[in-house]
């Protein structure tokens, strides 16, 4: 089933981060969500292969830069999608459970993400 709009993928209670061991954390994702993210990443990988071919073909710098800008935009888009899921699922659940350290984790992540 193809999902073209990320708002169609419902966030469920199991779509949350968990810590199994001291240093092992996981995020359980639905098959629809995995399919959506993997599709986006595969398109990005295809764009990168295209830029490699452009370099091999000695394409004009502006054309290459336009494609690199599109790749950057696509990466940011999928990053924001995952960030939104993390906030609405993992972080919200942790804060509701009384884990105030989740806010610190979020701030650290935001600092790293906005560099």
PDB file of N, CA and C in Angstrom:
ATOM      1  N   UNK A   1       0.844  -1.169   0.000  1.00  0.00           N
ATOM      2  CA  UNK A   1       0.000   0.000   0.000  1.00  0.00           C
ATOM      3  C   UNK A   1       0.891   1.234   0.000  1.00  0.00           C
ATOM      4  N   UNK A   2       0.755   2.089  -0.985  1.00  0.00           N
ATOM      5  CA  UNK A   2       1.566   3.288  -1.104  1.00  0.00           C
ATOM      6  C   UNK A   2       0.933   4.431  -0.332  1.00  0.00           C
ATOM      7  N   UNK A   3       1.743   5.112   0.445  1.00  0.00           N
ATOM      8  CA  UNK A   3       1.276   6.263   1.211  1.00  0.00           C
ATOM      9  C   UNK A   3       1.951   7.496   0.627  1.00  0.00           C
ATOM     10  N   UNK A   4       1.188   8.380   0.022  1.00  0.00           N
ATOM     11  CA  UNK A   4       1.778   9.567  -0.562  1.00  0.00           C
ATOM     12  C   UNK A   4       1.748  10.747   0.388  1.00  0.00           C
ATOM     13  N   UNK A   5       0.928  10.683   1.407  1.00  0.00           N
ATOM     14  CA  UNK A   5       0.795  11.779   2.355  1.00  0.00           C
ATOM     15  C   UNK A   5       1.081  11.239   3.743  1.00  0.00           C
ATOM     16  N   UNK A   6       2.127  11.776   4.386  1.00  0.00           N
ATOM     17  CA  UNK A   6       2.528  11.235   5.680  1.00  0.00           C
ATOM     18  C   UNK A   6       1.468  11.417   6.750  1.00  0.00           C
ATOM     19  N   UNK A   7       0.488  12.291   6.555  1.00  0.00           N
ATOM     20  CA  UNK A   7      -0.566  12.472   7.556  1.00  0.00           C
ATOM     21  C   UNK A   7      -1.518  11.280   7.582  1.00  0.00           C
ATOM     22  N   UNK A   8      -1.471  10.446   6.545  1.00  0.00           N
ATOM     23  CA  UNK A   8      -2.339   9.275   6.491  1.00  0.00           C
ATOM     24  C   UNK A   8      -1.856   8.158   7.408  1.00  0.00           C
ATOM     25  N   UNK A   9      -0.607   8.217   7.831  1.00  0.00           N
ATOM     26  CA  UNK A   9      -0.043   7.164   8.654  1.00  0.00           C
ATOM     27  C   UNK A   9      -0.359   7.493  10.105  1.00  0.00           C
ATOM     28  N   UNK A  10      -1.188   6.678  10.696  1.00  0.00           N
ATOM     29  CA  UNK A  10      -1.676   6.933  12.052  1.00  0.00           C
ATOM     30  C   UNK A  10      -0.617   6.574  13.084  1.00  0.00           C
ATOM     31  N   UNK A  11      -0.417   7.466  14.031  1.00  0.00           N
ATOM     32  CA  UNK A  11       0.494   7.213  15.133  1.00  0.00           C
ATOM     33  C   UNK A  11      -0.227   6.364  16.161  1.00  0.00           C
ATOM     34  N   UNK A  12       0.329   5.198  16.452  1.00  0.00           N
ATOM     35  CA  UNK A  12      -0.285   4.286  17.412  1.00  0.00           C
ATOM     36  C   UNK A  12       0.557   4.238  18.669  1.00  0.00           C
ATOM     37  N   UNK A  13      -0.009   3.722  19.727  1.00  0.00           N
ATOM     38  CA  UNK A  13       0.675   3.667  21.010  1.00  0.00           C
ATOM     39  C   UNK A  13       1.994   2.908  20.908  1.00  0.00           C
ATOM     40  N   UNK A  14       2.054   1.852  20.064  1.00  0.00           N
ATOM     41  CA  UNK A  14       3.280   1.088  19.960  1.00  0.00           C
ATOM     42  C   UNK A  14       4.336   1.807  19.134  1.00  0.00           C
ATOM     43  N   UNK A  15       3.964   2.899  18.449  1.00  0.00           N
ATOM     44  CA  UNK A  15       4.920   3.687  17.681  1.00  0.00           C
ATOM     45  C   UNK A  15       5.698   4.587  18.631  1.00  0.00           C
ATOM     46  N   UNK A  16       6.507   3.982  19.465  1.00  0.00           N
ATOM     47  CA  UNK A  16       7.176   4.745  20.502  1.00  0.00           C
ATOM     48  C   UNK A  16       8.551   4.158  20.758  1.00  0.00           C
ATOM     49  N   UNK A  17       9.410   4.988  21.279  1.00  0.00           N
ATOM     50  CA  UNK A  17      10.752   4.539  21.617  1.00  0.00           C
ATOM     51  C   UNK A  17      10.697   3.704  22.887  1.00  0.00           C
ATOM     52  N   UNK A  18      11.576   2.738  22.971  1.00  0.00           N
ATOM     53  CA  UNK A  18      11.675   1.942  24.188  1.00  0.00           C
ATOM     54  C   UNK A  18      13.138   1.640  24.433  1.00  0.00           C
ATOM     55  N   UNK A  19      13.440   1.389  25.662  1.00  0.00           N
ATOM     56  CA  UNK A  19      14.801   1.062  26.032  1.00  0.00           C
ATOM     57  C   UNK A  19      14.798  -0.358  26.553  1.00  0.00           C
ATOM     58  N   UNK A  20      15.456  -1.252  25.795  1.00  0.00           N
ATOM     59  CA  UNK A  20      15.477  -2.659  26.181  1.00  0.00           C
ATOM     60  C   UNK A  20      16.604  -2.955  27.164  1.00  0.00           C
ATOM     61  N   UNK A  21      17.755  -2.369  26.919  1.00  0.00           N
ATOM     62  CA  UNK A  21      18.901  -2.548  27.791  1.00  0.00           C
ATOM     63  C   UNK A  21      19.495  -1.175  28.053  1.00  0.00           C
ATOM     64  N   UNK A  22      20.548  -1.136  28.805  1.00  0.00           N
ATOM     65  CA  UNK A  22      21.137   0.143  29.200  1.00  0.00           C
ATOM     66  C   UNK A  22      21.472   1.042  28.009  1.00  0.00           C
ATOM     67  N   UNK A  23      21.988   0.482  26.936  1.00  0.00           N
ATOM     68  CA  UNK A  23      22.412   1.312  25.812  1.00  0.00           C
ATOM     69  C   UNK A  23      21.697   0.965  24.513  1.00  0.00           C
ATOM     70  N   UNK A  24      20.625   0.199  24.577  1.00  0.00           N
ATOM     71  CA  UNK A  24      19.892  -0.189  23.383  1.00  0.00           C
ATOM     72  C   UNK A  24      18.522   0.454  23.398  1.00  0.00           C
ATOM     73  N   UNK A  25      18.266   1.309  22.414  1.00  0.00           N
ATOM     74  CA  UNK A  25      16.955   1.928  22.311  1.00  0.00           C
ATOM     75  C   UNK A  25      16.386   1.575  20.947  1.00  0.00           C
ATOM     76  N   UNK A  26      15.069   1.437  20.896  1.00  0.00           N
ATOM     77  CA  UNK A  26      14.390   1.084  19.656  1.00  0.00           C
ATOM     78  C   UNK A  26      13.160   1.954  19.494  1.00  0.00           C
ATOM     79  N   UNK A  27      12.763   2.126  18.256  1.00  0.00           N
ATOM     80  CA  UNK A  27      11.487   2.751  17.954  1.00  0.00           C
ATOM     81  C   UNK A  27      10.703   1.767  17.107  1.00  0.00           C
ATOM     82  N   UNK A  28       9.565   1.346  17.604  1.00  0.00           N
ATOM     83  CA  UNK A  28       8.708   0.421  16.870  1.00  0.00           C
ATOM     84  C   UNK A  28       7.881   1.241  15.891  1.00  0.00           C
ATOM     85  N   UNK A  29       7.970   0.872  14.616  1.00  0.00           N
ATOM     86  CA  UNK A  29       7.232   1.577  13.574  1.00  0.00           C
ATOM     87  C   UNK A  29       6.307   0.601  12.870  1.00  0.00           C
ATOM     88  N   UNK A  30       5.162   1.103  12.450  1.00  0.00           N
ATOM     89  CA  UNK A  30       4.235   0.273  11.692  1.00  0.00           C
ATOM     90  C   UNK A  30       4.835  -0.036  10.325  1.00  0.00           C
ATOM     91  N   UNK A  31       4.327  -1.050   9.679  1.00  0.00           N
ATOM     92  CA  UNK A  31       4.796  -1.397   8.338  1.00  0.00           C
ATOM     93  C   UNK A  31       4.527  -0.256   7.358  1.00  0.00           C
ATOM     94  N   UNK A  32       3.388   0.423   7.501  1.00  0.00           N
ATOM     95  CA  UNK A  32       3.082   1.569   6.636  1.00  0.00           C
ATOM     96  C   UNK A  32       4.114   2.672   6.817  1.00  0.00           C
ATOM     97  N   UNK A  33       4.473   2.945   8.065  1.00  0.00           N
ATOM     98  CA  UNK A  33       5.447   3.999   8.321  1.00  0.00           C
ATOM     99  C   UNK A  33       6.828   3.617   7.778  1.00  0.00           C
ATOM    100  N   UNK A  34       7.227   2.359   7.986  1.00  0.00           N
ATOM    101  CA  UNK A  34       8.506   1.900   7.444  1.00  0.00           C
ATOM    102  C   UNK A  34       8.509   2.035   5.922  1.00  0.00           C
ATOM    103  N   UNK A  35       7.413   1.621   5.294  1.00  0.00           N
ATOM    104  CA  UNK A  35       7.299   1.694   3.838  1.00  0.00           C
ATOM    105  C   UNK A  35       7.428   3.146   3.369  1.00  0.00           C
ATOM    106  N   UNK A  36       6.775   4.061   4.067  1.00  0.00           N
ATOM    107  CA  UNK A  36       6.819   5.475   3.716  1.00  0.00           C
ATOM    108  C   UNK A  36       8.240   6.023   3.830  1.00  0.00           C
ATOM    109  N   UNK A  37       8.897   5.787   4.962  1.00  0.00           N
ATOM    110  CA  UNK A  37      10.255   6.305   5.184  1.00  0.00           C
ATOM    111  C   UNK A  37      11.238   5.670   4.211  1.00  0.00           C
ATOM    112  N   UNK A  38      11.147   4.361   4.037  1.00  0.00           N
ATOM    113  CA  UNK A  38      12.062   3.678   3.125  1.00  0.00           C
ATOM    114  C   UNK A  38      11.886   4.166   1.691  1.00  0.00           C
ATOM    115  N   UNK A  39      10.663   4.443   1.300  1.00  0.00           N
ATOM    116  CA  UNK A  39      10.410   4.984  -0.041  1.00  0.00           C
ATOM    117  C   UNK A  39      11.069   6.338  -0.222  1.00  0.00           C
ATOM    118  N   UNK A  40      10.929   7.178   0.789  1.00  0.00           N
ATOM    119  CA  UNK A  40      11.553   8.512   0.735  1.00  0.00           C
ATOM    120  C   UNK A  40      13.075   8.385   0.655  1.00  0.00           C
ATOM    121  N   UNK A  41      13.658   7.504   1.477  1.00  0.00           N
ATOM    122  CA  UNK A  41      15.110   7.328   1.483  1.00  0.00           C
ATOM    123  C   UNK A  41      15.606   6.730   0.163  1.00  0.00           C
ATOM    124  N   UNK A  42      14.837   5.824  -0.412  1.00  0.00           N
ATOM    125  CA  UNK A  42      15.222   5.254  -1.703  1.00  0.00           C
ATOM    126  C   UNK A  42      15.221   6.310  -2.805  1.00  0.00           C
ATOM    127  N   UNK A  43      14.247   7.228  -2.760  1.00  0.00           N
ATOM    128  CA  UNK A  43      14.228   8.325  -3.740  1.00  0.00           C
ATOM    129  C   UNK A  43      15.441   9.230  -3.565  1.00  0.00           C
ATOM    130  N   UNK A  44      15.800   9.499  -2.321  1.00  0.00           N
ATOM    131  CA  UNK A  44      16.980  10.326  -2.046  1.00  0.00           C
ATOM    132  C   UNK A  44      18.235   9.627  -2.567  1.00  0.00           C
ATOM    133  N   UNK A  45      18.341   8.329  -2.321  1.00  0.00           N
ATOM    134  CA  UNK A  45      19.497   7.568  -2.816  1.00  0.00           C
ATOM    135  C   UNK A  45      19.567   7.635  -4.342  1.00  0.00           C
ATOM    136  N   UNK A  46      18.414   7.578  -4.999  1.00  0.00           N
ATOM    137  CA  UNK A  46      18.380   7.701  -6.451  1.00  0.00           C
ATOM    138  C   UNK A  46      18.844   9.074  -6.917  1.00  0.00           C
ATOM    139  N   UNK A  47      18.445  10.119  -6.174  1.00  0.00           N
ATOM    140  CA  UNK A  47      18.896  11.469  -6.510  1.00  0.00           C
ATOM    141  C   UNK A  47      20.415  11.581  -6.366  1.00  0.00           C
ATOM    142  N   UNK A  48      20.966  10.963  -5.346  1.00  0.00           N
ATOM    143  CA  UNK A  48      22.418  11.006  -5.136  1.00  0.00           C
ATOM    144  C   UNK A  48      23.133  10.276  -6.269  1.00  0.00           C
ATOM    145  N   UNK A  49      22.613   9.129  -6.667  1.00  0.00           N
ATOM    146  CA  UNK A  49      23.210   8.421  -7.808  1.00  0.00           C
ATOM    147  C   UNK A  49      23.151   9.297  -9.064  1.00  0.00           C
ATOM    148  N   UNK A  50      22.051  10.040  -9.218  1.00  0.00           N
ATOM    149  CA  UNK A  50      21.912  10.933 -10.360  1.00  0.00           C
ATOM    150  C   UNK A  50      22.964  12.038 -10.352  1.00  0.00           C
ATOM    151  N   UNK A  51      23.251  12.584  -9.168  1.00  0.00           N
ATOM    152  CA  UNK A  51      24.279  13.623  -9.069  1.00  0.00           C
ATOM    153  C   UNK A  51      25.653  13.036  -9.382  1.00  0.00           C
ATOM    154  N   UNK A  52      25.916  11.819  -8.923  1.00  0.00           N
ATOM    155  CA  UNK A  52      27.189  11.167  -9.269  1.00  0.00           C
ATOM    156  C   UNK A  52      27.343  11.054 -10.783  1.00  0.00           C
ATOM    157  N   UNK A  53      26.258  10.688 -11.450  1.00  0.00           N
ATOM    158  CA  UNK A  53      26.297  10.577 -12.915  1.00  0.00           C
ATOM    159  C   UNK A  53      26.506  11.948 -13.548  1.00  0.00           C
ATOM    160  N   UNK A  54      25.874  12.968 -12.968  1.00  0.00           N
ATOM    161  CA  UNK A  54      26.071  14.329 -13.480  1.00  0.00           C
ATOM    162  C   UNK A  54      27.542  14.735 -13.387  1.00  0.00           C
ATOM    163  N   UNK A  55      28.200  14.381 -12.309  1.00  0.00           N
ATOM    164  CA  UNK A  55      29.621  14.692 -12.142  1.00  0.00           C
ATOM    165  C   UNK A  55      30.438  13.931 -13.189  1.00  0.00           C
ATOM    166  N   UNK A  56      30.147  12.636 -13.349  1.00  0.00           N
ATOM    167  CA  UNK A  56      30.841  11.839 -14.361  1.00  0.00           C
ATOM    168  C   UNK A  56      30.650  12.416 -15.763  1.00  0.00           C
ATOM    169  N   UNK A  57      29.473  12.978 -16.019  1.00  0.00           N
ATOM    170  CA  UNK A  57      29.147  13.534 -17.339  1.00  0.00           C
ATOM    171  C   UNK A  57      29.572  14.993 -17.489  1.00  0.00           C
ATOM    172  N   UNK A  58      30.291  15.516 -16.488  1.00  0.00           N
ATOM    173  CA  UNK A  58      30.769  16.907 -16.517  1.00  0.00           C
ATOM    174  C   UNK A  58      29.646  17.913 -16.703  1.00  0.00           C
ATOM    175  N   UNK A  59      28.538  17.681 -15.999  1.00  0.00           N
ATOM    176  CA  UNK A  59      27.413  18.613 -16.096  1.00  0.00           C
ATOM    177  C   UNK A  59      27.759  19.949 -15.473  1.00  0.00           C
ATOM    178  N   UNK A  60      27.075  20.971 -15.905  1.00  0.00           N
ATOM    179  CA  UNK A  60      27.281  22.348 -15.472  1.00  0.00           C
ATOM    180  C   UNK A  60      27.057  22.456 -13.959  1.00  0.00           C
ATOM    181  N   UNK A  61      27.916  23.224 -13.287  1.00  0.00           N
ATOM    182  CA  UNK A  61      27.881  23.353 -11.820  1.00  0.00           C
ATOM    183  C   UNK A  61      26.499  23.739 -11.300  1.00  0.00           C
ATOM    184  N   UNK A  62      25.856  24.698 -11.943  1.00  0.00           N
ATOM    185  CA  UNK A  62      24.543  25.147 -11.467  1.00  0.00           C
ATOM    186  C   UNK A  62      23.536  23.998 -11.467  1.00  0.00           C
ATOM    187  N   UNK A  63      23.569  23.157 -12.499  1.00  0.00           N
ATOM    188  CA  UNK A  63      22.652  22.017 -12.568  1.00  0.00           C
ATOM    189  C   UNK A  63      22.903  21.045 -11.415  1.00  0.00           C
ATOM    190  N   UNK A  64      24.177  20.801 -11.117  1.00  0.00           N
ATOM    191  CA  UNK A  64      24.533  19.912 -10.010  1.00  0.00           C
ATOM    192  C   UNK A  64      24.066  20.514  -8.689  1.00  0.00           C
ATOM    193  N   UNK A  65      24.310  21.811  -8.507  1.00  0.00           N
ATOM    194  CA  UNK A  65      23.920  22.470  -7.261  1.00  0.00           C
ATOM    195  C   UNK A  65      22.412  22.473  -7.062  1.00  0.00           C
ATOM    196  N   UNK A  66      21.662  22.612  -8.124  1.00  0.00           N
ATOM    197  CA  UNK A  66      20.200  22.559  -8.021  1.00  0.00           C
ATOM    198  C   UNK A  66      19.766  21.182  -7.529  1.00  0.00           C
ATOM    199  N   UNK A  67      20.379  20.140  -8.063  1.00  0.00           N
ATOM    200  CA  UNK A  67      20.038  18.781  -7.630  1.00  0.00           C
ATOM    201  C   UNK A  67      20.459  18.538  -6.180  1.00  0.00           C
ATOM    202  N   UNK A  68      21.625  19.065  -5.792  1.00  0.00           N
ATOM    203  CA  UNK A  68      22.062  18.926  -4.399  1.00  0.00           C
ATOM    204  C   UNK A  68      21.122  19.655  -3.451  1.00  0.00           C
ATOM    205  N   UNK A  69      20.613  20.799  -3.879  1.00  0.00           N
ATOM    206  CA  UNK A  69      19.639  21.526  -3.069  1.00  0.00           C
ATOM    207  C   UNK A  69      18.358  20.710  -2.905  1.00  0.00           C
ATOM    208  N   UNK A  70      17.937  20.046  -3.974  1.00  0.00           N
ATOM    209  CA  UNK A  70      16.742  19.192  -3.903  1.00  0.00           C
ATOM    210  C   UNK A  70      16.966  18.026  -2.943  1.00  0.00           C
ATOM    211  N   UNK A  71      18.164  17.451  -2.960  1.00  0.00           N
ATOM    212  CA  UNK A  71      18.500  16.356  -2.046  1.00  0.00           C
ATOM    213  C   UNK A  71      18.466  16.852  -0.606  1.00  0.00           C
ATOM    214  N   UNK A  72      19.057  18.018  -0.363  1.00  0.00           N
ATOM    215  CA  UNK A  72      19.052  18.606   0.970  1.00  0.00           C
ATOM    216  C   UNK A  72      17.624  18.811   1.461  1.00  0.00           C
ATOM    217  N   UNK A  73      16.779  19.316   0.605  1.00  0.00           N
ATOM    218  CA  UNK A  73      15.374  19.540   0.962  1.00  0.00           C
ATOM    219  C   UNK A  73      14.663  18.220   1.276  1.00  0.00           C
ATOM    220  N   UNK A  74      14.931  17.197   0.480  1.00  0.00           N
ATOM    221  CA  UNK A  74      14.309  15.887   0.701  1.00  0.00           C
ATOM    222  C   UNK A  74      14.769  15.277   2.023  1.00  0.00           C
ATOM    223  N   UNK A  75      16.053  15.421   2.339  1.00  0.00           N
ATOM    224  CA  UNK A  75      16.578  14.898   3.607  1.00  0.00           C
ATOM    225  C   UNK A  75      15.946  15.642   4.780  1.00  0.00           C
ATOM    226  N   UNK A  76      15.854  16.949   4.676  1.00  0.00           N
ATOM    227  CA  UNK A  76      15.232  17.732   5.752  1.00  0.00           C
ATOM    228  C   UNK A  76      13.766  17.329   5.934  1.00  0.00           C
ATOM    229  N   UNK A  77      13.083  17.081   4.845  1.00  0.00           N
ATOM    230  CA  UNK A  77      11.680  16.705   4.914  1.00  0.00           C
ATOM    231  C   UNK A  77      11.489  15.387   5.666  1.00  0.00           C
ATOM    232  N   UNK A  78      12.279  14.380   5.331  1.00  0.00           N
ATOM    233  CA  UNK A  78      12.148  13.093   6.016  1.00  0.00           C
ATOM    234  C   UNK A  78      12.630  13.212   7.462  1.00  0.00           C
ATOM    235  N   UNK A  79      13.618  14.061   7.700  1.00  0.00           N
ATOM    236  CA  UNK A  79      14.088  14.300   9.072  1.00  0.00           C
ATOM    237  C   UNK A  79      12.993  14.935   9.917  1.00  0.00           C
ATOM    238  N   UNK A  80      12.295  15.925   9.368  1.00  0.00           N
ATOM    239  CA  UNK A  80      11.205  16.565  10.105  1.00  0.00           C
ATOM    240  C   UNK A  80      10.069  15.575  10.363  1.00  0.00           C
ATOM    241  N   UNK A  81       9.813  14.703   9.415  1.00  0.00           N
ATOM    242  CA  UNK A  81       8.781  13.681   9.602  1.00  0.00           C
ATOM    243  C   UNK A  81       9.134  12.794  10.800  1.00  0.00           C
ATOM    244  N   UNK A  82      10.378  12.311  10.827  1.00  0.00           N
ATOM    245  CA  UNK A  82      10.796  11.442  11.925  1.00  0.00           C
ATOM    246  C   UNK A  82      10.811  12.212  13.233  1.00  0.00           C
ATOM    247  N   UNK A  83      11.252  13.465  13.195  1.00  0.00           N
ATOM    248  CA  UNK A  83      11.255  14.309  14.403  1.00  0.00           C
ATOM    249  C   UNK A  83       9.831  14.475  14.935  1.00  0.00           C
ATOM    250  N   UNK A  84       8.872  14.743  14.060  1.00  0.00           N
ATOM    251  CA  UNK A  84       7.479  14.909  14.484  1.00  0.00           C
ATOM    252  C   UNK A  84       6.957  13.645  15.137  1.00  0.00           C
ATOM    253  N   UNK A  85       7.256  12.485  14.549  1.00  0.00           N
ATOM    254  CA  UNK A  85       6.825  11.214  15.121  1.00  0.00           C
ATOM    255  C   UNK A  85       7.461  11.003  16.494  1.00  0.00           C
ATOM    256  N   UNK A  86       8.726  11.367  16.613  1.00  0.00           N
ATOM    257  CA  UNK A  86       9.435  11.219  17.880  1.00  0.00           C
ATOM    258  C   UNK A  86       8.801  12.108  18.950  1.00  0.00           C
ATOM    259  N   UNK A  87       8.503  13.339  18.597  1.00  0.00           N
ATOM    260  CA  UNK A  87       7.887  14.266  19.553  1.00  0.00           C
ATOM    261  C   UNK A  87       6.509  13.798  19.994  1.00  0.00           C
ATOM    262  N   UNK A  88       5.673  13.433  19.020  1.00  0.00           N
ATOM    263  CA  UNK A  88       4.291  13.063  19.330  1.00  0.00           C
ATOM    264  C   UNK A  88       4.186  11.698  19.997  1.00  0.00           C
ATOM    265  N   UNK A  89       5.150  10.837  19.752  1.00  0.00           N
ATOM    266  CA  UNK A  89       5.100   9.494  20.318  1.00  0.00           C
ATOM    267  C   UNK A  89       6.021   9.349  21.509  1.00  0.00           C
ATOM    268  N   UNK A  90       7.298   9.252  21.218  1.00  0.00           N
ATOM    269  CA  UNK A  90       8.299   8.937  22.241  1.00  0.00           C
ATOM    270  C   UNK A  90       8.391   9.998  23.337  1.00  0.00           C
ATOM    271  N   UNK A  91       8.636  11.226  22.948  1.00  0.00           N
ATOM    272  CA  UNK A  91       8.840  12.290  23.942  1.00  0.00           C
ATOM    273  C   UNK A  91       7.562  12.540  24.740  1.00  0.00           C
ATOM    274  N   UNK A  92       6.426  12.632  24.059  1.00  0.00           N
ATOM    275  CA  UNK A  92       5.152  12.869  24.753  1.00  0.00           C
ATOM    276  C   UNK A  92       4.875  11.763  25.764  1.00  0.00           C
ATOM    277  N   UNK A  93       5.110  10.516  25.386  1.00  0.00           N
ATOM    278  CA  UNK A  93       4.877   9.391  26.305  1.00  0.00           C
ATOM    279  C   UNK A  93       5.788   9.473  27.522  1.00  0.00           C
ATOM    280  N   UNK A  94       7.045   9.807  27.291  1.00  0.00           N
ATOM    281  CA  UNK A  94       7.999   9.903  28.396  1.00  0.00           C
ATOM    282  C   UNK A  94       7.624  11.029  29.364  1.00  0.00           C
ATOM    283  N   UNK A  95       7.221  12.165  28.830  1.00  0.00           N
ATOM    284  CA  UNK A  95       6.834  13.286  29.688  1.00  0.00           C
ATOM    285  C   UNK A  95       5.571  12.941  30.475  1.00  0.00           C
ATOM    286  N   UNK A  96       4.591  12.307  29.804  1.00  0.00           N
ATOM    287  CA  UNK A  96       3.364  11.887  30.504  1.00  0.00           C
ATOM    288  C   UNK A  96       3.675  10.903  31.616  1.00  0.00           C
ATOM    289  N   UNK A  97       4.696  10.078  31.414  1.00  0.00           N
ATOM    290  CA  UNK A  97       5.084   9.082  32.421  1.00  0.00           C
ATOM    291  C   UNK A  97       5.912   9.703  33.545  1.00  0.00           C
ATOM    292  N   UNK A  98       6.172  11.011  33.448  1.00  0.00           N
ATOM    293  CA  UNK A  98       6.897  11.689  34.510  1.00  0.00           C
ATOM    294  C   UNK A  98       8.396  11.755  34.307  1.00  0.00           C
ATOM    295  N   UNK A  99       8.874  11.369  33.145  1.00  0.00           N
ATOM    296  CA  UNK A  99      10.304  11.417  32.865  1.00  0.00           C
ATOM    297  C   UNK A  99      10.667  12.809  32.349  1.00  0.00           C
ATOM    298  N   UNK A 100      11.061  13.683  33.242  1.00  0.00           N
ATOM    299  CA  UNK A 100      11.423  15.050  32.868  1.00  0.00           C
ATOM    300  C   UNK A 100      12.719  15.112  32.065  1.00  0.00           C
ATOM    301  N   UNK A 101      13.525  14.056  32.129  1.00  0.00           N
ATOM    302  CA  UNK A 101      14.761  14.024  31.347  1.00  0.00           C
ATOM    303  C   UNK A 101      14.468  13.981  29.849  1.00  0.00           C
ATOM    304  N   UNK A 102      13.256  13.606  29.470  1.00  0.00           N
ATOM    305  CA  UNK A 102      12.879  13.573  28.056  1.00  0.00           C
ATOM    306  C   UNK A 102      12.942  14.976  27.450  1.00  0.00           C
ATOM    307  N   UNK A 103      12.617  15.990  28.232  1.00  0.00           N
ATOM    308  CA  UNK A 103      12.709  17.371  27.740  1.00  0.00           C
ATOM    309  C   UNK A 103      14.165  17.736  27.481  1.00  0.00           C
ATOM    310  N   UNK A 104      15.069  17.300  28.341  1.00  0.00           N
ATOM    311  CA  UNK A 104      16.500  17.548  28.124  1.00  0.00           C
ATOM    312  C   UNK A 104      16.980  16.839  26.860  1.00  0.00           C
ATOM    313  N   UNK A 105      16.522  15.600  26.675  1.00  0.00           N
ATOM    314  CA  UNK A 105      16.878  14.852  25.472  1.00  0.00           C
ATOM    315  C   UNK A 105      16.395  15.586  24.227  1.00  0.00           C
ATOM    316  N   UNK A 106      15.178  16.101  24.303  1.00  0.00           N
ATOM    317  CA  UNK A 106      14.613  16.834  23.174  1.00  0.00           C
ATOM    318  C   UNK A 106      15.433  18.081  22.862  1.00  0.00           C
ATOM    319  N   UNK A 107      15.820  18.819  23.874  1.00  0.00           N
ATOM    320  CA  UNK A 107      16.609  20.029  23.654  1.00  0.00           C
ATOM    321  C   UNK A 107      17.964  19.698  23.029  1.00  0.00           C
ATOM    322  N   UNK A 108      18.599  18.634  23.489  1.00  0.00           N
ATOM    323  CA  UNK A 108      19.868  18.201  22.905  1.00  0.00           C
ATOM    324  C   UNK A 108      19.680  17.833  21.437  1.00  0.00           C
ATOM    325  N   UNK A 109      18.615  17.108  21.157  1.00  0.00           N
ATOM    326  CA  UNK A 109      18.317  16.720  19.779  1.00  0.00           C
ATOM    327  C   UNK A 109      18.055  17.936  18.899  1.00  0.00           C
ATOM    328  N   UNK A 110      17.289  18.894  19.398  1.00  0.00           N
ATOM    329  CA  UNK A 110      16.996  20.092  18.623  1.00  0.00           C
ATOM    330  C   UNK A 110      18.251  20.905  18.346  1.00  0.00           C
ATOM    331  N   UNK A 111      19.127  21.004  19.337  1.00  0.00           N
ATOM    332  CA  UNK A 111      20.400  21.719  19.116  1.00  0.00           C
ATOM    333  C   UNK A 111      21.210  21.056  18.015  1.00  0.00           C
ATOM    334  N   UNK A 112      21.284  19.735  18.055  1.00  0.00           N
ATOM    335  CA  UNK A 112      22.038  19.000  17.042  1.00  0.00           C
ATOM    336  C   UNK A 112      21.366  19.112  15.684  1.00  0.00           C
ATOM    337  N   UNK A 113      20.071  19.061  15.668  1.00  0.00           N
ATOM    338  CA  UNK A 113      19.298  19.051  14.428  1.00  0.00           C
ATOM    339  C   UNK A 113      19.318  20.400  13.710  1.00  0.00           C
ATOM    340  N   UNK A 114      19.459  21.478  14.451  1.00  0.00           N
ATOM    341  CA  UNK A 114      19.378  22.813  13.847  1.00  0.00           C
ATOM    342  C   UNK A 114      20.743  23.426  13.544  1.00  0.00           C
ATOM    343  N   UNK A 115      21.799  22.677  13.639  1.00  0.00           N
ATOM    344  CA  UNK A 115      23.147  23.197  13.312  1.00  0.00           C
ATOM    345  C   UNK A 115      23.256  23.508  11.850  1.00  0.00           C
TER     346      UNK A 115
END
